[in-house]
């Protein structure tokens, strides 16, 4: 039996973390923009989806 996917883009983010899309199907949550540099060098197309420190959307 296949497990259903969880769509993180639709779930509300109560943790105050930054949501980052690494590629067309992978989304990770990071604690600070310092970690974004780490992911950006491995995934050049990475983009910030929302940053709670600056508001909901970039």
PDB file of N, CA and C in Angstrom:
ATOM      1  N   UNK A   1       0.843  -1.178   0.000  1.00  0.00           N
ATOM      2  CA  UNK A   1       0.000   0.000   0.000  1.00  0.00           C
ATOM      3  C   UNK A   1       0.895   1.250   0.000  1.00  0.00           C
ATOM      4  N   UNK A   2       0.584   2.133  -0.868  1.00  0.00           N
ATOM      5  CA  UNK A   2       1.395   3.339  -1.018  1.00  0.00           C
ATOM      6  C   UNK A   2       0.927   4.420  -0.044  1.00  0.00           C
ATOM      7  N   UNK A   3       1.885   5.070   0.589  1.00  0.00           N
ATOM      8  CA  UNK A   3       1.571   6.161   1.507  1.00  0.00           C
ATOM      9  C   UNK A   3       1.273   7.431   0.713  1.00  0.00           C
ATOM     10  N   UNK A   4       0.265   8.175   1.132  1.00  0.00           N
ATOM     11  CA  UNK A   4      -0.077   9.407   0.418  1.00  0.00           C
ATOM     12  C   UNK A   4       0.937  10.502   0.733  1.00  0.00           C
ATOM     13  N   UNK A   5       1.139  11.376  -0.205  1.00  0.00           N
ATOM     14  CA  UNK A   5       2.093  12.467  -0.049  1.00  0.00           C
ATOM     15  C   UNK A   5       1.517  13.587   0.803  1.00  0.00           C
ATOM     16  N   UNK A   6       2.404  14.257   1.517  1.00  0.00           N
ATOM     17  CA  UNK A   6       2.011  15.421   2.301  1.00  0.00           C
ATOM     18  C   UNK A   6       2.482  16.647   1.542  1.00  0.00           C
ATOM     19  N   UNK A   7       1.587  17.530   1.207  1.00  0.00           N
ATOM     20  CA  UNK A   7       1.934  18.733   0.472  1.00  0.00           C
ATOM     21  C   UNK A   7       2.283  19.838   1.471  1.00  0.00           C
ATOM     22  N   UNK A   8       3.587  20.088   1.660  1.00  0.00           N
ATOM     23  CA  UNK A   8       4.031  21.091   2.629  1.00  0.00           C
ATOM     24  C   UNK A   8       3.705  22.507   2.195  1.00  0.00           C
ATOM     25  N   UNK A   9       3.517  22.718   0.906  1.00  0.00           N
ATOM     26  CA  UNK A   9       3.208  24.065   0.429  1.00  0.00           C
ATOM     27  C   UNK A   9       1.831  24.515   0.904  1.00  0.00           C
ATOM     28  N   UNK A  10       0.942  23.564   1.174  1.00  0.00           N
ATOM     29  CA  UNK A  10      -0.404  23.903   1.619  1.00  0.00           C
ATOM     30  C   UNK A  10      -0.562  23.938   3.132  1.00  0.00           C
ATOM     31  N   UNK A  11       0.383  23.329   3.856  1.00  0.00           N
ATOM     32  CA  UNK A  11       0.280  23.296   5.313  1.00  0.00           C
ATOM     33  C   UNK A  11       0.742  24.626   5.912  1.00  0.00           C
ATOM     34  N   UNK A  12       0.074  25.118   6.941  1.00  0.00           N
ATOM     35  CA  UNK A  12       0.544  26.332   7.602  1.00  0.00           C
ATOM     36  C   UNK A  12       1.828  26.050   8.376  1.00  0.00           C
ATOM     37  N   UNK A  13       2.690  27.026   8.457  1.00  0.00           N
ATOM     38  CA  UNK A  13       3.974  26.866   9.126  1.00  0.00           C
ATOM     39  C   UNK A  13       3.930  27.575  10.470  1.00  0.00           C
ATOM     40  N   UNK A  14       3.678  26.838  11.558  1.00  0.00           N
ATOM     41  CA  UNK A  14       3.613  27.442  12.881  1.00  0.00           C
ATOM     42  C   UNK A  14       4.973  27.488  13.567  1.00  0.00           C
ATOM     43  N   UNK A  15       5.980  26.868  13.003  1.00  0.00           N
ATOM     44  CA  UNK A  15       7.260  26.758  13.678  1.00  0.00           C
ATOM     45  C   UNK A  15       8.133  27.995  13.527  1.00  0.00           C
ATOM     46  N   UNK A  16       7.814  28.892  12.601  1.00  0.00           N
ATOM     47  CA  UNK A  16       8.639  30.075  12.393  1.00  0.00           C
ATOM     48  C   UNK A  16       9.883  29.800  11.577  1.00  0.00           C
ATOM     49  N   UNK A  17       9.877  28.698  10.870  1.00  0.00           N
ATOM     50  CA  UNK A  17      11.029  28.355  10.034  1.00  0.00           C
ATOM     51  C   UNK A  17      10.838  28.873   8.623  1.00  0.00           C
ATOM     52  N   UNK A  18      11.912  28.898   7.872  1.00  0.00           N
ATOM     53  CA  UNK A  18      11.910  29.391   6.505  1.00  0.00           C
ATOM     54  C   UNK A  18      11.705  28.204   5.574  1.00  0.00           C
ATOM     55  N   UNK A  19      10.744  28.320   4.685  1.00  0.00           N
ATOM     56  CA  UNK A  19      10.430  27.256   3.747  1.00  0.00           C
ATOM     57  C   UNK A  19      11.204  27.494   2.450  1.00  0.00           C
ATOM     58  N   UNK A  20      11.959  26.487   1.998  1.00  0.00           N
ATOM     59  CA  UNK A  20      12.823  26.603   0.819  1.00  0.00           C
ATOM     60  C   UNK A  20      12.510  25.474  -0.153  1.00  0.00           C
ATOM     61  N   UNK A  21      12.309  25.820  -1.425  1.00  0.00           N
ATOM     62  CA  UNK A  21      12.130  24.808  -2.467  1.00  0.00           C
ATOM     63  C   UNK A  21      13.495  24.547  -3.091  1.00  0.00           C
ATOM     64  N   UNK A  22      13.954  23.284  -3.016  1.00  0.00           N
ATOM     65  CA  UNK A  22      15.252  22.923  -3.564  1.00  0.00           C
ATOM     66  C   UNK A  22      15.171  22.608  -5.054  1.00  0.00           C
ATOM     67  N   UNK A  23      14.159  21.865  -5.436  1.00  0.00           N
ATOM     68  CA  UNK A  23      13.920  21.571  -6.845  1.00  0.00           C
ATOM     69  C   UNK A  23      12.412  21.517  -7.060  1.00  0.00           C
ATOM     70  N   UNK A  24      11.967  20.997  -8.162  1.00  0.00           N
ATOM     71  CA  UNK A  24      10.545  21.049  -8.488  1.00  0.00           C
ATOM     72  C   UNK A  24       9.668  20.242  -7.533  1.00  0.00           C
ATOM     73  N   UNK A  25      10.231  19.324  -6.741  1.00  0.00           N
ATOM     74  CA  UNK A  25       9.392  18.521  -5.851  1.00  0.00           C
ATOM     75  C   UNK A  25       9.859  18.453  -4.403  1.00  0.00           C
ATOM     76  N   UNK A  26      10.977  19.099  -4.067  1.00  0.00           N
ATOM     77  CA  UNK A  26      11.535  18.989  -2.724  1.00  0.00           C
ATOM     78  C   UNK A  26      11.473  20.320  -1.993  1.00  0.00           C
ATOM     79  N   UNK A  27      10.843  20.310  -0.804  1.00  0.00           N
ATOM     80  CA  UNK A  27      10.751  21.495   0.041  1.00  0.00           C
ATOM     81  C   UNK A  27      11.340  21.149   1.403  1.00  0.00           C
ATOM     82  N   UNK A  28      12.212  22.005   1.927  1.00  0.00           N
ATOM     83  CA  UNK A  28      12.789  21.813   3.250  1.00  0.00           C
ATOM     84  C   UNK A  28      12.490  23.035   4.101  1.00  0.00           C
ATOM     85  N   UNK A  29      12.523  22.847   5.413  1.00  0.00           N
ATOM     86  CA  UNK A  29      12.363  23.939   6.362  1.00  0.00           C
ATOM     87  C   UNK A  29      13.701  24.171   7.032  1.00  0.00           C
ATOM     88  N   UNK A  30      14.154  25.425   7.043  1.00  0.00           N
ATOM     89  CA  UNK A  30      15.427  25.760   7.672  1.00  0.00           C
ATOM     90  C   UNK A  30      15.195  26.803   8.757  1.00  0.00           C
ATOM     91  N   UNK A  31      16.137  26.881   9.712  1.00  0.00           N
ATOM     92  CA  UNK A  31      15.984  27.791  10.838  1.00  0.00           C
ATOM     93  C   UNK A  31      16.517  29.185  10.551  1.00  0.00           C
ATOM     94  N   UNK A  32      17.516  29.297   9.688  1.00  0.00           N
ATOM     95  CA  UNK A  32      18.100  30.613   9.426  1.00  0.00           C
ATOM     96  C   UNK A  32      18.560  30.710   7.983  1.00  0.00           C
ATOM     97  N   UNK A  33      18.771  31.941   7.542  1.00  0.00           N
ATOM     98  CA  UNK A  33      19.233  32.162   6.167  1.00  0.00           C
ATOM     99  C   UNK A  33      20.694  31.724   5.995  1.00  0.00           C
ATOM    100  N   UNK A  34      21.425  31.533   7.083  1.00  0.00           N
ATOM    101  CA  UNK A  34      22.784  30.996   6.974  1.00  0.00           C
ATOM    102  C   UNK A  34      22.754  29.593   6.381  1.00  0.00           C
ATOM    103  N   UNK A  35      21.751  28.830   6.750  1.00  0.00           N
ATOM    104  CA  UNK A  35      21.594  27.480   6.208  1.00  0.00           C
ATOM    105  C   UNK A  35      21.178  27.501   4.740  1.00  0.00           C
ATOM    106  N   UNK A  36      20.547  28.590   4.305  1.00  0.00           N
ATOM    107  CA  UNK A  36      20.140  28.699   2.903  1.00  0.00           C
ATOM    108  C   UNK A  36      21.365  28.700   1.988  1.00  0.00           C
ATOM    109  N   UNK A  37      22.439  29.333   2.406  1.00  0.00           N
ATOM    110  CA  UNK A  37      23.665  29.340   1.603  1.00  0.00           C
ATOM    111  C   UNK A  37      24.201  27.919   1.399  1.00  0.00           C
ATOM    112  N   UNK A  38      24.091  27.104   2.436  1.00  0.00           N
ATOM    113  CA  UNK A  38      24.506  25.695   2.359  1.00  0.00           C
ATOM    114  C   UNK A  38      23.703  24.960   1.285  1.00  0.00           C
ATOM    115  N   UNK A  39      22.385  25.131   1.294  1.00  0.00           N
ATOM    116  CA  UNK A  39      21.538  24.451   0.330  1.00  0.00           C
ATOM    117  C   UNK A  39      21.687  25.046  -1.071  1.00  0.00           C
ATOM    118  N   UNK A  40      21.909  26.343  -1.156  1.00  0.00           N
ATOM    119  CA  UNK A  40      22.009  27.019  -2.451  1.00  0.00           C
ATOM    120  C   UNK A  40      23.220  26.535  -3.247  1.00  0.00           C
ATOM    121  N   UNK A  41      24.320  26.215  -2.564  1.00  0.00           N
ATOM    122  CA  UNK A  41      25.494  25.737  -3.304  1.00  0.00           C
ATOM    123  C   UNK A  41      25.286  24.304  -3.815  1.00  0.00           C
ATOM    124  N   UNK A  42      24.447  23.527  -3.172  1.00  0.00           N
ATOM    125  CA  UNK A  42      24.143  22.175  -3.621  1.00  0.00           C
ATOM    126  C   UNK A  42      22.989  22.129  -4.626  1.00  0.00           C
ATOM    127  N   UNK A  43      22.066  23.049  -4.470  1.00  0.00           N
ATOM    128  CA  UNK A  43      20.906  23.157  -5.367  1.00  0.00           C
ATOM    129  C   UNK A  43      20.840  24.588  -5.893  1.00  0.00           C
ATOM    130  N   UNK A  44      21.472  24.871  -7.031  1.00  0.00           N
ATOM    131  CA  UNK A  44      21.521  26.239  -7.559  1.00  0.00           C
ATOM    132  C   UNK A  44      20.144  26.853  -7.838  1.00  0.00           C
ATOM    133  N   UNK A  45      19.133  26.035  -8.069  1.00  0.00           N
ATOM    134  CA  UNK A  45      17.799  26.570  -8.347  1.00  0.00           C
ATOM    135  C   UNK A  45      16.957  26.748  -7.081  1.00  0.00           C
ATOM    136  N   UNK A  46      17.554  26.623  -5.917  1.00  0.00           N
ATOM    137  CA  UNK A  46      16.813  26.763  -4.658  1.00  0.00           C
ATOM    138  C   UNK A  46      16.240  28.171  -4.540  1.00  0.00           C
ATOM    139  N   UNK A  47      15.021  28.244  -3.972  1.00  0.00           N
ATOM    140  CA  UNK A  47      14.369  29.544  -3.798  1.00  0.00           C
ATOM    141  C   UNK A  47      13.604  29.552  -2.474  1.00  0.00           C
ATOM    142  N   UNK A  48      13.547  30.719  -1.852  1.00  0.00           N
ATOM    143  CA  UNK A  48      12.818  30.883  -0.604  1.00  0.00           C
ATOM    144  C   UNK A  48      11.340  31.055  -0.930  1.00  0.00           C
ATOM    145  N   UNK A  49      10.505  30.204  -0.334  1.00  0.00           N
ATOM    146  CA  UNK A  49       9.066  30.304  -0.556  1.00  0.00           C
ATOM    147  C   UNK A  49       8.427  31.296   0.396  1.00  0.00           C
ATOM    148  N   UNK A  50       8.805  31.240   1.662  1.00  0.00           N
ATOM    149  CA  UNK A  50       8.325  32.223   2.624  1.00  0.00           C
ATOM    150  C   UNK A  50       9.284  32.317   3.795  1.00  0.00           C
ATOM    151  N   UNK A  51       9.399  33.522   4.334  1.00  0.00           N
ATOM    152  CA  UNK A  51      10.297  33.812   5.445  1.00  0.00           C
ATOM    153  C   UNK A  51       9.486  34.503   6.539  1.00  0.00           C
ATOM    154  N   UNK A  52       9.211  33.839   7.648  1.00  0.00           N
ATOM    155  CA  UNK A  52       8.383  34.435   8.700  1.00  0.00           C
ATOM    156  C   UNK A  52       8.967  35.717   9.294  1.00  0.00           C
ATOM    157  N   UNK A  53      10.282  35.881   9.239  1.00  0.00           N
ATOM    158  CA  UNK A  53      10.901  37.086   9.790  1.00  0.00           C
ATOM    159  C   UNK A  53      10.559  38.325   8.962  1.00  0.00           C
ATOM    160  N   UNK A  54      10.320  38.129   7.656  1.00  0.00           N
ATOM    161  CA  UNK A  54      10.022  39.252   6.765  1.00  0.00           C
ATOM    162  C   UNK A  54       8.567  39.297   6.337  1.00  0.00           C
ATOM    163  N   UNK A  55       7.765  38.419   6.870  1.00  0.00           N
ATOM    164  CA  UNK A  55       6.386  38.306   6.433  1.00  0.00           C
ATOM    165  C   UNK A  55       6.169  36.957   5.813  1.00  0.00           C
ATOM    166  N   UNK A  56       4.996  36.709   5.323  1.00  0.00           N
ATOM    167  CA  UNK A  56       4.649  35.380   4.822  1.00  0.00           C
ATOM    168  C   UNK A  56       5.309  35.050   3.488  1.00  0.00           C
ATOM    169  N   UNK A  57       5.306  35.946   2.539  1.00  0.00           N
ATOM    170  CA  UNK A  57       5.883  35.663   1.204  1.00  0.00           C
ATOM    171  C   UNK A  57       7.095  36.566   0.991  1.00  0.00           C
ATOM    172  N   UNK A  58       8.089  36.099   0.190  1.00  0.00           N
ATOM    173  CA  UNK A  58       9.278  36.937  -0.076  1.00  0.00           C
ATOM    174  C   UNK A  58       8.959  38.114  -0.971  1.00  0.00           C
TER     175      UNK A  58
END
